[in-house]
C-alpha atoms as a PDB file:
ATOM      1  CA  MET A   1       0.051  -0.010   0.076  1.00  0.00           C
ATOM      2  CA  ARG A   2       2.747   2.378   1.073  1.00  0.00           C
ATOM      3  CA  THR A   3       4.454   1.779  -2.383  1.00  0.00           C
ATOM      4  CA  PHE A   4       1.018   2.609  -4.357  1.00  0.00           C
ATOM      5  CA  ILE A   5       0.752   5.628  -2.432  1.00  0.00           C
ATOM      6  CA  THR A   6       4.384   6.905  -3.131  1.00  0.00           C
ATOM      7  CA  SER A   7       4.152   6.140  -6.694  1.00  0.00           C
ATOM      8  CA  ILE A   8       0.924   8.078  -6.975  1.00  0.00           C
ATOM      9  CA  THR A   9       2.723  11.162  -5.032  1.00  0.00           C
ATOM     10  CA  ASP A  10       5.900  10.652  -7.644  1.00  0.00           C
ATOM     11  CA  LYS A  11       3.719  10.850 -10.433  1.00  0.00           C
ATOM     12  CA  LYS A  12       2.044  14.090  -9.046  1.00  0.00           C
ATOM     13  CA  LYS A  13       5.419  15.586  -8.220  1.00  0.00           C
ATOM     14  CA  GLN A  14       6.837  14.767 -11.649  1.00  0.00           C
ATOM     15  CA  GLN A  15       3.441  16.130 -13.386  1.00  0.00           C
ATOM     16  CA  PHE A  16       3.689  19.284 -11.325  1.00  0.00           C
ATOM     17  CA  ILE A  17       7.570  19.969 -12.087  1.00  0.00           C
ATOM     18  CA  GLY A  18       6.951  19.245 -15.787  1.00  0.00           C
ATOM     19  CA  GLY A  19       4.203  21.711 -15.603  1.00  0.00           C
ATOM     20  CA  VAL A  20       6.428  24.373 -13.865  1.00  0.00           C
ATOM     21  CA  VAL A  21       9.357  23.630 -16.479  1.00  0.00           C
ATOM     22  CA  LEU A  22       6.914  23.932 -19.425  1.00  0.00           C
ATOM     23  CA  LEU A  23       5.530  27.547 -18.025  1.00  0.00           C
ATOM     24  CA  VAL A  24       9.108  28.692 -17.611  1.00  0.00           C
ATOM     25  CA  ILE A  25      10.065  27.542 -20.945  1.00  0.00           C
ATOM     26  CA  LEU A  26       7.013  29.252 -22.525  1.00  0.00           C
ATOM     27  CA  LEU A  27       7.878  32.403 -20.433  1.00  0.00           C
ATOM     28  CA  ILE A  28      11.396  32.675 -21.776  1.00  0.00           C
ATOM     29  CA  GLY A  29      10.170  31.875 -25.191  1.00  0.00           C
ATOM     30  CA  CYS A  30       7.971  34.827 -25.065  1.00  0.00           C
ATOM     31  CA  ARG A  31      10.545  36.894 -23.642  1.00  0.00           C
ATOM     32  CA  LEU A  32      13.070  36.049 -26.457  1.00  0.00           C
ATOM     33  CA  LEU A  33      10.099  36.969 -28.980  1.00  0.00           C
ATOM     34  CA  VAL A  34       9.393  40.466 -27.411  1.00  0.00           C
ATOM     35  CA  GLY A  35      13.056  40.742 -26.704  1.00  0.00           C
ATOM     36  CA  GLY A  36      12.544  42.378 -23.552  1.00  0.00           C
ATOM     37  CA  ASN A  37      11.397  45.495 -25.097  1.00  0.00           C
ATOM     38  CA  PRO A  38       8.141  47.009 -24.659  1.00  0.00           C
ATOM     39  CA  PRO A  39       5.449  46.281 -27.107  1.00  0.00           C
ATOM     40  CA  GLU A  40       5.380  47.993 -30.288  1.00  0.00           C
ATOM     41  CA  GLU A  41       1.582  48.543 -30.115  1.00  0.00           C
ATOM     42  CA  VAL A  42      -0.176  50.134 -27.284  1.00  0.00           C
ATOM     43  CA  ARG A  43      -2.181  47.280 -25.696  1.00  0.00           C
ATOM     44  CA  THR A  44      -5.253  48.033 -23.632  1.00  0.00           C
ATOM     45  CA  ALA A  45      -7.008  46.530 -20.960  1.00  0.00           C
ATOM     46  CA  GLU A  46      -9.691  45.339 -23.417  1.00  0.00           C
ATOM     47  CA  TYR A  47      -6.869  43.633 -25.627  1.00  0.00           C
ATOM     48  CA  TYR A  48      -5.849  41.364 -22.317  1.00  0.00           C
ATOM     49  CA  VAL A  49      -9.392  40.702 -21.463  1.00  0.00           C
ATOM     50  CA  GLU A  50     -10.178  39.554 -25.040  1.00  0.00           C
ATOM     51  CA  ARG A  51      -7.265  37.476 -25.506  1.00  0.00           C
ATOM     52  CA  TRP A  52      -6.901  35.841 -22.055  1.00  0.00           C
ATOM     53  CA  GLY A  53      -9.622  37.075 -19.961  1.00  0.00           C
ATOM     54  CA  GLY A  54      -9.411  38.501 -16.470  1.00  0.00           C
ATOM     55  CA  ASN A  55     -11.008  41.451 -14.963  1.00  0.00           C
ATOM     56  CA  ILE A  56     -10.780  44.594 -16.828  1.00  0.00           C
ATOM     57  CA  GLU A  57     -10.321  46.902 -13.892  1.00  0.00           C
ATOM     58  CA  SER A  58      -7.651  44.932 -12.794  1.00  0.00           C
ATOM     59  CA  HIS A  59      -6.010  45.317 -16.180  1.00  0.00           C
ATOM     60  CA  GLU A  60      -6.623  49.004 -16.175  1.00  0.00           C
ATOM     61  CA  ARG A  61      -5.023  49.190 -12.755  1.00  0.00           C
ATOM     62  CA  ILE A  62      -2.049  47.455 -14.017  1.00  0.00           C
ATOM     63  CA  LEU A  63      -1.664  49.361 -17.090  1.00  0.00           C
ATOM     64  CA  SER A  64      -1.870  52.730 -15.290  1.00  0.00           C
ATOM     65  CA  SER A  65       0.635  51.816 -12.569  1.00  0.00           C
ATOM     66  CA  SER A  66       4.103  53.506 -12.513  1.00  0.00           C
ATOM     67  CA  ASP A  67       4.969  51.431  -9.426  1.00  0.00           C
ATOM     68  CA  CYS A  68       7.369  48.685 -10.371  1.00  0.00           C
ATOM     69  CA  ALA A  69       7.010  46.706  -6.934  1.00  0.00           C
ATOM     70  CA  PHE A  70       3.087  46.718  -7.393  1.00  0.00           C
ATOM     71  CA  LEU A  71       3.689  45.318 -11.085  1.00  0.00           C
ATOM     72  CA  LYS A  72       6.101  42.439  -9.701  1.00  0.00           C
ATOM     73  CA  GLU A  73       3.440  41.581  -7.120  1.00  0.00           C
ATOM     74  CA  GLU A  74       0.693  41.542  -9.918  1.00  0.00           C
ATOM     75  CA  PHE A  75       2.983  39.179 -11.771  1.00  0.00           C
ATOM     76  CA  ASP A  76       3.635  36.843  -8.915  1.00  0.00           C
ATOM     77  CA  TRP A  77       0.177  36.781  -8.322  1.00  0.00           C
ATOM     78  CA  GLY A  78      -0.835  35.785 -11.927  1.00  0.00           C
ATOM     79  CA  TRP A  79       2.280  33.051 -11.535  1.00  0.00           C
ATOM     80  CA  ASN A  80       0.466  31.725  -8.393  1.00  0.00           C
ATOM     81  CA  VAL A  81      -2.868  31.400 -10.180  1.00  0.00           C
ATOM     82  CA  THR A  82      -1.262  29.590 -13.116  1.00  0.00           C
ATOM     83  CA  GLU A  83       0.575  27.296 -10.783  1.00  0.00           C
ATOM     84  CA  ILE A  84      -2.558  26.099  -9.005  1.00  0.00           C
ATOM     85  CA  ASN A  85      -4.749  25.830 -12.091  1.00  0.00           C
ATOM     86  CA  GLU A  86      -4.931  23.166 -14.709  1.00  0.00           C
ATOM     87  CA  PRO A  87      -3.173  24.670 -17.998  1.00  0.00           C
ATOM     88  CA  GLY A  88      -6.036  25.619 -20.610  1.00  0.00           C
ATOM     89  CA  SER A  89      -8.586  26.360 -17.857  1.00  0.00           C
ATOM     90  CA  SER A  90     -10.261  29.854 -17.520  1.00  0.00           C
ATOM     91  CA  ALA A  91      -8.425  30.563 -14.253  1.00  0.00           C
ATOM     92  CA  HIS A  92      -5.022  29.390 -15.770  1.00  0.00           C
ATOM     93  CA  LYS A  93      -5.646  31.888 -18.830  1.00  0.00           C
ATOM     94  CA  TRP A  94      -6.455  34.735 -16.405  1.00  0.00           C
ATOM     95  CA  GLY A  95      -3.170  34.223 -14.372  1.00  0.00           C
ATOM     96  CA  LEU A  96      -1.418  34.244 -17.723  1.00  0.00           C
ATOM     97  CA  SER A  97      -3.432  37.711 -18.523  1.00  0.00           C
ATOM     98  CA  TYR A  98      -2.170  39.283 -15.471  1.00  0.00           C
ATOM     99  CA  MET A  99       1.521  38.071 -16.062  1.00  0.00           C
ATOM    100  CA  MET A 100       1.432  39.336 -19.456  1.00  0.00           C
ATOM    101  CA  SER A 101       0.001  42.883 -18.707  1.00  0.00           C
ATOM    102  CA  SER A 102       2.211  43.722 -15.762  1.00  0.00           C
ATOM    103  CA  SER A 103       5.291  42.170 -17.507  1.00  0.00           C
ATOM    104  CA  ASP A 104       4.558  44.472 -20.570  1.00  0.00           C
ATOM    105  CA  ARG A 105       3.751  47.538 -18.424  1.00  0.00           C
ATOM    106  CA  ALA A 106       7.170  46.709 -16.362  1.00  0.00           C
ATOM    107  CA  ASP A 107       8.790  46.697 -19.678  1.00  0.00           C
ATOM    108  CA  VAL A 108       7.527  50.264 -20.758  1.00  0.00           C
ATOM    109  CA  LEU A 109       8.568  51.402 -17.313  1.00  0.00           C
ATOM    110  CA  ASN A 110      12.318  49.827 -17.530  1.00  0.00           C
ATOM    111  CA  CYS A 111      11.524  47.960 -14.087  1.00  0.00           C
ATOM    112  CA  GLY A 112      14.320  45.437 -14.919  1.00  0.00           C
ATOM    113  CA  TRP A 113      12.890  42.517 -13.901  1.00  0.00           C
ATOM    114  CA  TRP A 114      14.448  40.187 -16.287  1.00  0.00           C
ATOM    115  CA  GLU A 115      18.101  41.389 -16.060  1.00  0.00           C
END
């Protein structure tokens, strides 16, 4: 019985680690595509909501902020949401939306997270 429980736990750990690694690879890929520069187009709160979902007021608050610490907190919150939700779920997409909007805004402000 103990071996069975251990094997289930090990599989869950492997799936979790695999998900984290995939997310990190995707984020690095996004950063390489963007090149660490601000987006060329001005992205609105509506852009993020239409593309990934989320709350428009939250995106407006993120996009109007000039506080790098606040933007990092929003990014981290989005990261945590993606960690606890199934990839492809609406909650997971919401987390990605907050990560993207806060990251894009931080790039505009030259917050320097990725250095």
